[in-house]
Amino acid sequence: MEIFQEIKEFEQEADKIIVNSEKEKNNIINKAKKDAAKFLMNKEEELEKSKEQKIKDYQKKAEEIKKQKISEGEKNLKSLKQKSGKNISKAVDFVLGKLEQEI
């Protein structure tokens, strides 16, 4: 009878070990899932911040290019105004010269 009691105790102990192992396995799996989700969330946040920074950088660069183009346009306009001012007197002289030839 004693052997049967020992076998029963071993079986009970084995059952406890199995139950504890299952609990530990489930805890490890749950922790791994939580860690993976947290890791993904952190990576998504990093990507979003990186994307926002790149957008800001491109906006800043676009603004710099816009200012440069406006400045170049203003210089060209000023130059054209100066050239047209010089050419007006030549044009007047030319027209007057033609009128004098006609008369």
N, C-alpha and C. Protein backbone atom coordinates (compact mmCIF):
# COMPACT_ATOMS: atom_id res chain seq x y z
N MET A 1 0.81 -1.18 0.00
CA MET A 1 0.00 0.00 0.00
C MET A 1 0.86 1.25 0.00
N GLU A 2 1.97 1.18 0.64
CA GLU A 2 2.88 2.31 0.73
C GLU A 2 3.41 2.71 -0.65
N ILE A 3 3.66 1.78 -1.49
CA ILE A 3 4.17 2.06 -2.84
C ILE A 3 3.11 2.80 -3.63
N PHE A 4 1.86 2.39 -3.48
CA PHE A 4 0.78 3.08 -4.18
C PHE A 4 0.65 4.53 -3.71
N GLN A 5 0.85 4.73 -2.44
CA GLN A 5 0.79 6.09 -1.88
C GLN A 5 1.92 6.94 -2.45
N GLU A 6 3.12 6.39 -2.55
CA GLU A 6 4.26 7.12 -3.10
C GLU A 6 4.03 7.44 -4.58
N ILE A 7 3.49 6.47 -5.30
CA ILE A 7 3.21 6.69 -6.72
C ILE A 7 2.17 7.81 -6.87
N LYS A 8 1.16 7.78 -6.04
CA LYS A 8 0.12 8.80 -6.08
C LYS A 8 0.71 10.17 -5.77
N GLU A 9 1.60 10.24 -4.78
CA GLU A 9 2.24 11.51 -4.42
C GLU A 9 3.12 12.01 -5.57
N PHE A 10 3.86 11.11 -6.22
CA PHE A 10 4.68 11.48 -7.36
C PHE A 10 3.80 12.02 -8.51
N GLU A 11 2.67 11.35 -8.71
CA GLU A 11 1.76 11.79 -9.76
C GLU A 11 1.20 13.17 -9.44
N GLN A 12 0.85 13.40 -8.17
CA GLN A 12 0.34 14.70 -7.77
C GLN A 12 1.42 15.78 -7.95
N GLU A 13 2.65 15.42 -7.55
CA GLU A 13 3.77 16.35 -7.70
C GLU A 13 4.01 16.64 -9.19
N ALA A 14 3.93 15.63 -10.02
CA ALA A 14 4.11 15.81 -11.46
C ALA A 14 3.00 16.70 -12.03
N ASP A 15 1.78 16.50 -11.55
CA ASP A 15 0.66 17.35 -11.99
C ASP A 15 0.89 18.81 -11.60
N LYS A 16 1.39 19.02 -10.39
CA LYS A 16 1.68 20.39 -9.93
C LYS A 16 2.76 21.03 -10.82
N ILE A 17 3.78 20.24 -11.12
CA ILE A 17 4.86 20.73 -11.98
C ILE A 17 4.32 21.10 -13.36
N ILE A 18 3.45 20.27 -13.89
CA ILE A 18 2.86 20.54 -15.20
C ILE A 18 2.01 21.80 -15.16
N VAL A 19 1.19 21.93 -14.12
CA VAL A 19 0.33 23.12 -14.00
C VAL A 19 1.18 24.37 -13.86
N ASN A 20 2.20 24.31 -13.02
CA ASN A 20 3.09 25.47 -12.84
C ASN A 20 3.84 25.81 -14.13
N SER A 21 4.25 24.78 -14.83
CA SER A 21 4.95 24.99 -16.10
C SER A 21 4.04 25.67 -17.12
N GLU A 22 2.80 25.25 -17.17
CA GLU A 22 1.83 25.87 -18.08
C GLU A 22 1.62 27.34 -17.73
N LYS A 23 1.48 27.60 -16.40
CA LYS A 23 1.31 28.99 -15.96
C LYS A 23 2.53 29.82 -16.35
N GLU A 24 3.71 29.28 -16.10
CA GLU A 24 4.94 30.00 -16.43
C GLU A 24 5.05 30.23 -17.94
N LYS A 25 4.70 29.20 -18.72
CA LYS A 25 4.72 29.32 -20.18
C LYS A 25 3.79 30.44 -20.62
N ASN A 26 2.56 30.45 -20.07
CA ASN A 26 1.59 31.49 -20.43
C ASN A 26 2.08 32.89 -20.03
N ASN A 27 2.70 32.97 -18.85
CA ASN A 27 3.25 34.26 -18.41
C ASN A 27 4.35 34.74 -19.36
N ILE A 28 5.21 33.82 -19.76
CA ILE A 28 6.31 34.17 -20.68
C ILE A 28 5.75 34.62 -22.03
N ILE A 29 4.75 33.91 -22.52
CA ILE A 29 4.13 34.27 -23.81
C ILE A 29 3.46 35.64 -23.71
N ASN A 30 2.72 35.87 -22.63
CA ASN A 30 2.04 37.16 -22.46
C ASN A 30 3.03 38.31 -22.36
N LYS A 31 4.11 38.08 -21.61
CA LYS A 31 5.14 39.11 -21.48
C LYS A 31 5.78 39.39 -22.83
N ALA A 32 6.06 38.33 -23.60
CA ALA A 32 6.65 38.51 -24.92
C ALA A 32 5.72 39.29 -25.83
N LYS A 33 4.42 39.03 -25.76
CA LYS A 33 3.44 39.76 -26.57
C LYS A 33 3.43 41.23 -26.19
N LYS A 34 3.42 41.50 -24.87
CA LYS A 34 3.42 42.89 -24.40
C LYS A 34 4.69 43.60 -24.82
N ASP A 35 5.83 42.92 -24.67
CA ASP A 35 7.11 43.52 -25.06
C ASP A 35 7.14 43.82 -26.56
N ALA A 36 6.63 42.89 -27.36
CA ALA A 36 6.61 43.08 -28.81
C ALA A 36 5.70 44.25 -29.18
N ALA A 37 4.55 44.34 -28.53
CA ALA A 37 3.62 45.45 -28.81
C ALA A 37 4.25 46.78 -28.42
N LYS A 38 4.91 46.81 -27.27
CA LYS A 38 5.57 48.02 -26.82
C LYS A 38 6.69 48.41 -27.78
N PHE A 39 7.45 47.43 -28.22
CA PHE A 39 8.55 47.67 -29.17
C PHE A 39 8.00 48.26 -30.47
N LEU A 40 6.92 47.67 -30.98
CA LEU A 40 6.32 48.18 -32.21
C LEU A 40 5.79 49.60 -32.04
N MET A 41 5.15 49.86 -30.90
CA MET A 41 4.63 51.19 -30.64
C MET A 41 5.77 52.21 -30.60
N ASN A 42 6.87 51.85 -29.94
CA ASN A 42 8.02 52.76 -29.87
C ASN A 42 8.60 53.02 -31.26
N LYS A 43 8.70 51.98 -32.08
CA LYS A 43 9.23 52.13 -33.43
C LYS A 43 8.30 53.00 -34.27
N GLU A 44 6.99 52.83 -34.12
CA GLU A 44 6.03 53.65 -34.85
C GLU A 44 6.17 55.12 -34.45
N GLU A 45 6.36 55.37 -33.15
CA GLU A 45 6.55 56.74 -32.68
C GLU A 45 7.83 57.33 -33.26
N GLU A 46 8.91 56.53 -33.27
CA GLU A 46 10.18 57.00 -33.83
C GLU A 46 10.02 57.33 -35.31
N LEU A 47 9.32 56.47 -36.04
CA LEU A 47 9.10 56.71 -37.47
C LEU A 47 8.27 57.97 -37.69
N GLU A 48 7.26 58.16 -36.88
CA GLU A 48 6.41 59.36 -37.00
C GLU A 48 7.23 60.62 -36.74
N LYS A 49 8.06 60.59 -35.70
CA LYS A 49 8.91 61.75 -35.39
C LYS A 49 9.89 62.00 -36.52
N SER A 50 10.47 60.94 -37.06
CA SER A 50 11.40 61.08 -38.17
C SER A 50 10.70 61.67 -39.39
N LYS A 51 9.49 61.18 -39.67
CA LYS A 51 8.72 61.69 -40.80
C LYS A 51 8.42 63.17 -40.62
N GLU A 52 7.99 63.55 -39.42
CA GLU A 52 7.67 64.95 -39.14
C GLU A 52 8.91 65.83 -39.30
N GLN A 53 10.06 65.35 -38.85
CA GLN A 53 11.29 66.11 -38.97
C GLN A 53 11.68 66.29 -40.43
N LYS A 54 11.53 65.23 -41.22
CA LYS A 54 11.85 65.34 -42.65
C LYS A 54 10.92 66.33 -43.34
N ILE A 55 9.65 66.31 -42.97
CA ILE A 55 8.70 67.26 -43.55
C ILE A 55 9.12 68.69 -43.20
N LYS A 56 9.49 68.91 -41.94
CA LYS A 56 9.94 70.25 -41.52
C LYS A 56 11.19 70.65 -42.29
N ASP A 57 12.12 69.71 -42.46
CA ASP A 57 13.35 70.01 -43.19
C ASP A 57 13.04 70.39 -44.64
N TYR A 58 12.16 69.63 -45.28
CA TYR A 58 11.80 69.92 -46.67
C TYR A 58 11.05 71.25 -46.78
N GLN A 59 10.21 71.54 -45.80
CA GLN A 59 9.50 72.82 -45.82
C GLN A 59 10.48 73.98 -45.68
N LYS A 60 11.45 73.81 -44.80
CA LYS A 60 12.46 74.85 -44.60
C LYS A 60 13.27 75.04 -45.88
N LYS A 61 13.66 73.95 -46.51
CA LYS A 61 14.43 74.02 -47.75
C LYS A 61 13.59 74.68 -48.85
N ALA A 62 12.32 74.32 -48.94
CA ALA A 62 11.44 74.92 -49.94
C ALA A 62 11.30 76.42 -49.70
N GLU A 63 11.20 76.82 -48.45
CA GLU A 63 11.10 78.24 -48.12
C GLU A 63 12.38 78.98 -48.51
N GLU A 64 13.53 78.36 -48.27
CA GLU A 64 14.81 78.98 -48.65
C GLU A 64 14.90 79.13 -50.17
N ILE A 65 14.48 78.10 -50.90
CA ILE A 65 14.50 78.16 -52.37
C ILE A 65 13.54 79.24 -52.86
N LYS A 66 12.37 79.34 -52.22
CA LYS A 66 11.38 80.36 -52.59
C LYS A 66 11.98 81.76 -52.39
N LYS A 67 12.62 81.99 -51.25
CA LYS A 67 13.23 83.30 -50.98
C LYS A 67 14.32 83.60 -52.00
N GLN A 68 15.11 82.58 -52.32
CA GLN A 68 16.19 82.76 -53.30
C GLN A 68 15.61 83.14 -54.66
N LYS A 69 14.57 82.43 -55.10
CA LYS A 69 13.95 82.71 -56.40
C LYS A 69 13.32 84.10 -56.42
N ILE A 70 12.70 84.50 -55.32
CA ILE A 70 12.11 85.85 -55.24
C ILE A 70 13.21 86.89 -55.34
N SER A 71 14.29 86.67 -54.64
CA SER A 71 15.43 87.60 -54.68
C SER A 71 15.99 87.70 -56.09
N GLU A 72 16.17 86.56 -56.74
CA GLU A 72 16.67 86.56 -58.12
C GLU A 72 15.71 87.30 -59.05
N GLY A 73 14.42 87.07 -58.86
CA GLY A 73 13.41 87.74 -59.68
C GLY A 73 13.44 89.25 -59.47
N GLU A 74 13.60 89.67 -58.23
CA GLU A 74 13.66 91.11 -57.95
C GLU A 74 14.90 91.73 -58.58
N LYS A 75 16.03 91.02 -58.53
CA LYS A 75 17.26 91.53 -59.17
C LYS A 75 17.07 91.65 -60.68
N ASN A 76 16.46 90.61 -61.27
CA ASN A 76 16.22 90.64 -62.72
C ASN A 76 15.28 91.78 -63.10
N LEU A 77 14.25 91.99 -62.30
CA LEU A 77 13.29 93.06 -62.55
C LEU A 77 13.98 94.42 -62.47
N LYS A 78 14.81 94.60 -61.47
CA LYS A 78 15.53 95.86 -61.31
C LYS A 78 16.45 96.10 -62.51
N SER A 79 17.13 95.05 -62.94
CA SER A 79 18.01 95.15 -64.09
C SER A 79 17.23 95.51 -65.35
N LEU A 80 16.08 94.87 -65.54
CA LEU A 80 15.26 95.17 -66.71
C LEU A 80 14.75 96.61 -66.69
N LYS A 81 14.38 97.09 -65.51
CA LYS A 81 13.92 98.47 -65.39
C LYS A 81 15.04 99.44 -65.76
N GLN A 82 16.25 99.14 -65.29
CA GLN A 82 17.38 100.00 -65.62
C GLN A 82 17.66 99.99 -67.12
N LYS A 83 17.65 98.81 -67.73
CA LYS A 83 17.90 98.70 -69.16
C LYS A 83 16.81 99.41 -69.96
N SER A 84 15.56 99.25 -69.53
CA SER A 84 14.46 99.88 -70.27
C SER A 84 14.54 101.39 -70.14
N GLY A 85 14.99 101.87 -69.01
CA GLY A 85 15.15 103.32 -68.83
C GLY A 85 16.21 103.87 -69.77
N LYS A 86 17.28 103.15 -69.96
CA LYS A 86 18.34 103.58 -70.87
C LYS A 86 17.85 103.53 -72.32
N ASN A 87 17.09 102.54 -72.65
CA ASN A 87 16.63 102.36 -74.02
C ASN A 87 15.53 103.34 -74.41
N ILE A 88 14.84 103.91 -73.44
CA ILE A 88 13.78 104.86 -73.76
C ILE A 88 14.35 106.08 -74.47
N SER A 89 15.44 106.59 -73.93
CA SER A 89 16.02 107.77 -74.59
C SER A 89 16.52 107.43 -75.99
N LYS A 90 17.05 106.25 -76.17
CA LYS A 90 17.50 105.83 -77.51
C LYS A 90 16.29 105.70 -78.44
N ALA A 91 15.21 105.14 -77.92
CA ALA A 91 14.01 104.97 -78.73
C ALA A 91 13.43 106.32 -79.11
N VAL A 92 13.41 107.24 -78.18
CA VAL A 92 12.89 108.59 -78.47
C VAL A 92 13.74 109.24 -79.55
N ASP A 93 15.07 109.14 -79.39
CA ASP A 93 15.98 109.72 -80.39
C ASP A 93 15.74 109.08 -81.76
N PHE A 94 15.55 107.77 -81.77
CA PHE A 94 15.33 107.05 -83.03
C PHE A 94 14.04 107.53 -83.70
N VAL A 95 12.96 107.62 -82.91
CA VAL A 95 11.65 108.04 -83.44
C VAL A 95 11.74 109.47 -83.93
N LEU A 96 12.38 110.33 -83.16
CA LEU A 96 12.52 111.74 -83.56
C LEU A 96 13.34 111.85 -84.85
N GLY A 97 14.39 111.02 -84.92
CA GLY A 97 15.22 111.02 -86.13
C GLY A 97 14.40 110.60 -87.34
N LYS A 98 13.57 109.63 -87.22
CA LYS A 98 12.73 109.16 -88.31
C LYS A 98 11.72 110.25 -88.69
N LEU A 99 11.15 110.90 -87.68
CA LEU A 99 10.19 111.96 -87.95
C LEU A 99 10.85 113.13 -88.71
N GLU A 100 12.08 113.45 -88.33
CA GLU A 100 12.79 114.55 -89.00
C GLU A 100 13.06 114.19 -90.45
N GLN A 101 13.37 112.93 -90.70
CA GLN A 101 13.63 112.48 -92.08
C GLN A 101 12.34 112.58 -92.91
N GLU A 102 11.22 112.33 -92.30
CA GLU A 102 9.95 112.37 -92.99
C GLU A 102 9.55 113.80 -93.34
N ILE A 103 9.93 114.68 -92.47
CA ILE A 103 9.51 116.08 -92.66
C ILE A 103 10.45 116.72 -93.58
